[in-house]
Amino acid sequence: MKDKYYYVLSDCLSRRQEWISEIEIYFRFRELREKAEKETFSKNLTIYLLYKLINLPSNILNFLSKIQQYSQYNKTLKEIEVIRQEIDKYYNPQINNRRKNNVENQKNR
């Protein structure tokens, strides 16, 4: 039997999956932007180094932001995995699991 918790989990799962798909698109766009920046300065190394030096503080912040975003991405992937396990419990009743565990415990004795 499905209760309110099941529907909350389902809603939460769908929202997190949607966020994952959106953030993956954002990561791909960011890679394209970085590639375009490299190609812009590919012919003149001195201007590229000067540009990087001038923007060093913001580059450091951008790097830390990337780390935080990938961390959040991986955390959300794990949340999705855990939520799916919880939802699967509704499809595999615990009574059956108890019976299986009892049979396995008796075999181990």
N, C-alpha and C. Protein backbone atom coordinates (compact mmCIF):
# COMPACT_ATOMS: atom_id res chain seq x y z
N MET A 1 0.83 -1.18 0.00
CA MET A 1 0.00 0.00 0.00
C MET A 1 0.88 1.25 0.00
N LYS A 2 0.53 2.19 -0.81
CA LYS A 2 1.32 3.40 -0.93
C LYS A 2 0.69 4.50 -0.09
N ASP A 3 1.54 5.13 0.70
CA ASP A 3 1.05 6.21 1.54
C ASP A 3 1.59 7.55 1.04
N LYS A 4 1.36 8.57 1.81
CA LYS A 4 1.77 9.92 1.41
C LYS A 4 3.28 10.02 1.23
N TYR A 5 4.02 9.30 2.06
CA TYR A 5 5.48 9.31 1.99
C TYR A 5 5.97 8.84 0.63
N TYR A 6 5.33 7.83 0.07
CA TYR A 6 5.69 7.33 -1.25
C TYR A 6 5.58 8.42 -2.30
N TYR A 7 4.48 9.16 -2.25
CA TYR A 7 4.27 10.21 -3.25
C TYR A 7 5.22 11.39 -3.05
N VAL A 8 5.57 11.65 -1.81
CA VAL A 8 6.58 12.69 -1.55
C VAL A 8 7.93 12.25 -2.10
N LEU A 9 8.27 10.98 -1.89
CA LEU A 9 9.53 10.45 -2.44
C LEU A 9 9.53 10.49 -3.96
N SER A 10 8.43 10.14 -4.56
CA SER A 10 8.34 10.16 -6.03
C SER A 10 8.51 11.57 -6.56
N ASP A 11 7.86 12.51 -5.92
CA ASP A 11 7.98 13.91 -6.34
C ASP A 11 9.42 14.41 -6.16
N CYS A 12 10.00 14.05 -5.04
CA CYS A 12 11.38 14.45 -4.76
C CYS A 12 12.33 13.85 -5.79
N LEU A 13 12.11 12.60 -6.12
CA LEU A 13 12.95 11.92 -7.11
C LEU A 13 12.84 12.59 -8.47
N SER A 14 11.64 12.91 -8.89
CA SER A 14 11.49 13.53 -10.20
C SER A 14 12.13 14.92 -10.24
N ARG A 15 12.01 15.67 -9.15
CA ARG A 15 12.64 17.00 -9.11
C ARG A 15 14.16 16.91 -9.15
N ARG A 16 14.71 15.95 -8.44
CA ARG A 16 16.16 15.79 -8.45
C ARG A 16 16.67 15.31 -9.81
N GLN A 17 15.93 14.42 -10.45
CA GLN A 17 16.32 13.97 -11.78
C GLN A 17 16.26 15.12 -12.79
N GLU A 18 15.27 15.97 -12.64
CA GLU A 18 15.17 17.15 -13.51
C GLU A 18 16.35 18.08 -13.27
N TRP A 19 16.72 18.28 -12.01
CA TRP A 19 17.85 19.14 -11.68
C TRP A 19 19.13 18.57 -12.27
N ILE A 20 19.30 17.24 -12.18
CA ILE A 20 20.49 16.59 -12.74
C ILE A 20 20.57 16.84 -14.25
N SER A 21 19.49 16.70 -14.95
CA SER A 21 19.52 16.91 -16.40
C SER A 21 19.84 18.37 -16.73
N GLU A 22 19.30 19.30 -15.95
CA GLU A 22 19.60 20.71 -16.19
C GLU A 22 21.05 21.05 -15.88
N ILE A 23 21.59 20.51 -14.81
CA ILE A 23 22.97 20.83 -14.45
C ILE A 23 23.95 20.18 -15.43
N GLU A 24 23.59 19.03 -16.00
CA GLU A 24 24.45 18.42 -17.02
C GLU A 24 24.51 19.29 -18.26
N ILE A 25 23.38 19.89 -18.62
CA ILE A 25 23.36 20.83 -19.75
C ILE A 25 24.24 22.04 -19.42
N TYR A 26 24.13 22.54 -18.20
CA TYR A 26 24.95 23.67 -17.78
C TYR A 26 26.43 23.33 -17.84
N PHE A 27 26.81 22.12 -17.38
CA PHE A 27 28.22 21.71 -17.43
C PHE A 27 28.73 21.67 -18.87
N ARG A 28 27.90 21.16 -19.78
CA ARG A 28 28.31 21.10 -21.19
C ARG A 28 28.47 22.50 -21.76
N PHE A 29 27.55 23.41 -21.42
CA PHE A 29 27.65 24.79 -21.90
C PHE A 29 28.90 25.46 -21.36
N ARG A 30 29.21 25.21 -20.08
CA ARG A 30 30.40 25.79 -19.48
C ARG A 30 31.67 25.29 -20.18
N GLU A 31 31.70 24.02 -20.54
CA GLU A 31 32.84 23.48 -21.27
C GLU A 31 33.00 24.17 -22.63
N LEU A 32 31.88 24.42 -23.30
CA LEU A 32 31.94 25.12 -24.59
C LEU A 32 32.47 26.54 -24.42
N ARG A 33 32.03 27.21 -23.36
CA ARG A 33 32.49 28.57 -23.10
C ARG A 33 34.00 28.59 -22.82
N GLU A 34 34.48 27.60 -22.06
CA GLU A 34 35.91 27.53 -21.77
C GLU A 34 36.70 27.21 -23.03
N LYS A 35 36.17 26.36 -23.87
CA LYS A 35 36.83 26.04 -25.13
C LYS A 35 36.92 27.27 -26.03
N ALA A 36 35.85 28.05 -26.09
CA ALA A 36 35.84 29.27 -26.89
C ALA A 36 36.87 30.27 -26.36
N GLU A 37 36.98 30.35 -25.02
CA GLU A 37 37.97 31.26 -24.43
C GLU A 37 39.38 30.85 -24.80
N LYS A 38 39.68 29.55 -24.78
CA LYS A 38 41.01 29.06 -25.14
C LYS A 38 41.31 29.35 -26.61
N GLU A 39 40.32 29.17 -27.47
CA GLU A 39 40.54 29.43 -28.89
C GLU A 39 40.71 30.92 -29.18
N THR A 40 40.09 31.75 -28.35
CA THR A 40 40.24 33.20 -28.53
C THR A 40 41.68 33.62 -28.33
N PHE A 41 42.33 33.03 -27.33
CA PHE A 41 43.70 33.41 -27.00
C PHE A 41 44.74 32.44 -27.54
N SER A 42 44.37 31.51 -28.38
CA SER A 42 45.29 30.46 -28.82
C SER A 42 46.47 31.00 -29.63
N LYS A 43 46.31 32.12 -30.31
CA LYS A 43 47.38 32.63 -31.16
C LYS A 43 48.33 33.56 -30.44
N ASN A 44 47.95 34.09 -29.29
CA ASN A 44 48.80 35.03 -28.58
C ASN A 44 48.90 34.62 -27.11
N LEU A 45 49.99 33.93 -26.78
CA LEU A 45 50.19 33.40 -25.44
C LEU A 45 50.38 34.50 -24.41
N THR A 46 51.05 35.58 -24.77
CA THR A 46 51.31 36.64 -23.79
C THR A 46 50.00 37.32 -23.34
N ILE A 47 49.12 37.56 -24.28
CA ILE A 47 47.83 38.18 -23.92
C ILE A 47 47.02 37.21 -23.06
N TYR A 48 47.09 35.91 -23.37
CA TYR A 48 46.38 34.90 -22.58
C TYR A 48 46.90 34.88 -21.14
N LEU A 49 48.22 34.88 -20.98
CA LEU A 49 48.80 34.88 -19.63
C LEU A 49 48.47 36.16 -18.87
N LEU A 50 48.51 37.27 -19.55
CA LEU A 50 48.15 38.54 -18.92
C LEU A 50 46.68 38.55 -18.51
N TYR A 51 45.83 38.03 -19.37
CA TYR A 51 44.40 37.93 -19.06
C TYR A 51 44.17 37.05 -17.83
N LYS A 52 44.86 35.92 -17.78
CA LYS A 52 44.72 35.02 -16.63
C LYS A 52 45.26 35.65 -15.35
N LEU A 53 46.34 36.38 -15.45
CA LEU A 53 46.93 37.03 -14.28
C LEU A 53 46.01 38.12 -13.74
N ILE A 54 45.46 38.92 -14.63
CA ILE A 54 44.56 40.00 -14.20
C ILE A 54 43.31 39.43 -13.53
N ASN A 55 42.81 38.33 -14.07
CA ASN A 55 41.58 37.72 -13.56
C ASN A 55 41.83 36.59 -12.57
N LEU A 56 43.01 36.55 -11.98
CA LEU A 56 43.36 35.46 -11.06
C LEU A 56 42.38 35.32 -9.89
N PRO A 57 42.01 36.40 -9.19
CA PRO A 57 41.06 36.21 -8.08
C PRO A 57 39.72 35.63 -8.53
N SER A 58 39.19 36.12 -9.65
CA SER A 58 37.92 35.55 -10.11
C SER A 58 38.09 34.14 -10.64
N ASN A 59 39.25 33.82 -11.20
CA ASN A 59 39.50 32.46 -11.65
C ASN A 59 39.54 31.49 -10.48
N ILE A 60 40.13 31.93 -9.38
CA ILE A 60 40.15 31.10 -8.17
C ILE A 60 38.75 30.87 -7.64
N LEU A 61 37.95 31.93 -7.60
CA LEU A 61 36.57 31.78 -7.15
C LEU A 61 35.76 30.88 -8.09
N ASN A 62 35.99 31.01 -9.38
CA ASN A 62 35.30 30.15 -10.34
C ASN A 62 35.70 28.68 -10.16
N PHE A 63 36.97 28.46 -9.87
CA PHE A 63 37.45 27.09 -9.63
C PHE A 63 36.79 26.51 -8.39
N LEU A 64 36.73 27.29 -7.31
CA LEU A 64 36.09 26.82 -6.09
C LEU A 64 34.59 26.58 -6.31
N SER A 65 33.99 27.41 -7.12
CA SER A 65 32.58 27.25 -7.45
C SER A 65 32.36 25.95 -8.23
N LYS A 66 33.27 25.64 -9.14
CA LYS A 66 33.19 24.39 -9.90
C LYS A 66 33.25 23.18 -8.97
N ILE A 67 34.17 23.24 -8.02
CA ILE A 67 34.30 22.14 -7.06
C ILE A 67 33.01 21.97 -6.28
N GLN A 68 32.42 23.08 -5.85
CA GLN A 68 31.17 23.03 -5.10
C GLN A 68 30.04 22.48 -5.96
N GLN A 69 29.99 22.87 -7.22
CA GLN A 69 28.93 22.40 -8.11
C GLN A 69 29.05 20.90 -8.38
N TYR A 70 30.27 20.42 -8.63
CA TYR A 70 30.45 18.99 -8.85
C TYR A 70 30.16 18.19 -7.59
N SER A 71 30.48 18.75 -6.46
CA SER A 71 30.15 18.10 -5.19
C SER A 71 28.64 17.99 -5.01
N GLN A 72 27.93 19.06 -5.29
CA GLN A 72 26.47 19.06 -5.19
C GLN A 72 25.86 18.08 -6.20
N TYR A 73 26.44 18.02 -7.38
CA TYR A 73 25.99 17.10 -8.42
C TYR A 73 26.12 15.65 -7.94
N ASN A 74 27.29 15.30 -7.42
CA ASN A 74 27.51 13.94 -6.93
C ASN A 74 26.63 13.62 -5.74
N LYS A 75 26.43 14.58 -4.86
CA LYS A 75 25.54 14.38 -3.71
C LYS A 75 24.12 14.11 -4.19
N THR A 76 23.65 14.83 -5.16
CA THR A 76 22.30 14.64 -5.69
C THR A 76 22.16 13.28 -6.36
N LEU A 77 23.21 12.83 -7.06
CA LEU A 77 23.17 11.49 -7.65
C LEU A 77 23.01 10.42 -6.58
N LYS A 78 23.71 10.59 -5.47
CA LYS A 78 23.57 9.65 -4.35
C LYS A 78 22.19 9.73 -3.73
N GLU A 79 21.65 10.93 -3.62
CA GLU A 79 20.29 11.09 -3.09
C GLU A 79 19.29 10.36 -3.97
N ILE A 80 19.45 10.46 -5.27
CA ILE A 80 18.56 9.77 -6.20
C ILE A 80 18.65 8.26 -5.98
N GLU A 81 19.85 7.77 -5.80
CA GLU A 81 20.04 6.34 -5.57
C GLU A 81 19.33 5.89 -4.28
N VAL A 82 19.47 6.66 -3.21
CA VAL A 82 18.84 6.33 -1.93
C VAL A 82 17.33 6.42 -2.03
N ILE A 83 16.83 7.44 -2.70
CA ILE A 83 15.38 7.60 -2.85
C ILE A 83 14.81 6.43 -3.65
N ARG A 84 15.52 6.01 -4.69
CA ARG A 84 15.05 4.86 -5.47
C ARG A 84 14.99 3.60 -4.61
N GLN A 85 15.98 3.42 -3.74
CA GLN A 85 15.96 2.27 -2.84
C GLN A 85 14.75 2.32 -1.91
N GLU A 86 14.43 3.51 -1.44
CA GLU A 86 13.26 3.66 -0.57
C GLU A 86 11.97 3.38 -1.33
N ILE A 87 11.89 3.85 -2.55
CA ILE A 87 10.70 3.61 -3.37
C ILE A 87 10.58 2.12 -3.68
N ASP A 88 11.70 1.45 -3.92
CA ASP A 88 11.67 0.01 -4.20
C ASP A 88 11.11 -0.78 -3.03
N LYS A 89 11.23 -0.27 -1.85
CA LYS A 89 10.68 -0.96 -0.68
C LYS A 89 9.16 -1.07 -0.78
N TYR A 90 8.53 -0.16 -1.48
CA TYR A 90 7.09 -0.22 -1.66
C TYR A 90 6.70 -1.32 -2.64
N TYR A 91 7.61 -1.68 -3.52
CA TYR A 91 7.31 -2.73 -4.48
C TYR A 91 7.71 -4.11 -3.97
N ASN A 92 8.64 -4.17 -3.04
CA ASN A 92 9.04 -5.41 -2.40
C ASN A 92 8.61 -5.35 -0.94
N PRO A 93 7.48 -5.87 -0.63
CA PRO A 93 6.98 -5.75 0.74
C PRO A 93 7.97 -6.33 1.76
N GLN A 94 7.98 -5.73 2.90
CA GLN A 94 8.92 -6.15 3.94
C GLN A 94 8.57 -7.52 4.49
N ILE A 95 7.32 -7.93 4.39
CA ILE A 95 6.94 -9.26 4.86
C ILE A 95 7.68 -10.32 4.07
N ASN A 96 7.77 -10.15 2.77
CA ASN A 96 8.52 -11.10 1.94
C ASN A 96 9.99 -11.08 2.32
N ASN A 97 10.52 -9.90 2.59
CA ASN A 97 11.91 -9.80 3.00
C ASN A 97 12.14 -10.50 4.33
N ARG A 98 11.21 -10.39 5.24
CA ARG A 98 11.33 -11.06 6.53
C ARG A 98 11.32 -12.57 6.35
N ARG A 99 10.44 -13.04 5.49
CA ARG A 99 10.39 -14.48 5.23
C ARG A 99 11.71 -14.97 4.64
N LYS A 100 12.23 -14.21 3.69
CA LYS A 100 13.51 -14.59 3.09
C LYS A 100 14.62 -14.59 4.13
N ASN A 101 14.65 -13.58 4.98
CA ASN A 101 15.67 -13.49 6.01
C ASN A 101 15.55 -14.65 6.99
N ASN A 102 14.33 -15.03 7.36
CA ASN A 102 14.13 -16.15 8.27
C ASN A 102 14.61 -17.45 7.65
N VAL A 103 14.32 -17.66 6.39
CA VAL A 103 14.77 -18.87 5.70
C VAL A 103 16.29 -18.90 5.64
N GLU A 104 16.91 -17.76 5.33
CA GLU A 104 18.37 -17.70 5.26
C GLU A 104 18.99 -17.93 6.63
N ASN A 105 18.40 -17.38 7.66
CA ASN A 105 18.92 -17.58 9.02
C ASN A 105 18.83 -19.04 9.43
N GLN A 106 17.78 -19.72 9.04
CA GLN A 106 17.64 -21.13 9.40
C GLN A 106 18.65 -21.99 8.63
N LYS A 107 18.95 -21.60 7.40
CA LYS A 107 19.94 -22.34 6.61
C LYS A 107 21.35 -22.18 7.21
N ASN A 108 21.63 -21.01 7.73
CA ASN A 108 22.95 -20.71 8.29
C ASN A 108 23.20 -21.42 9.61
N ARG A 109 22.18 -21.92 10.26
CA ARG A 109 22.34 -22.56 11.57
C ARG A 109 22.85 -23.93 11.45
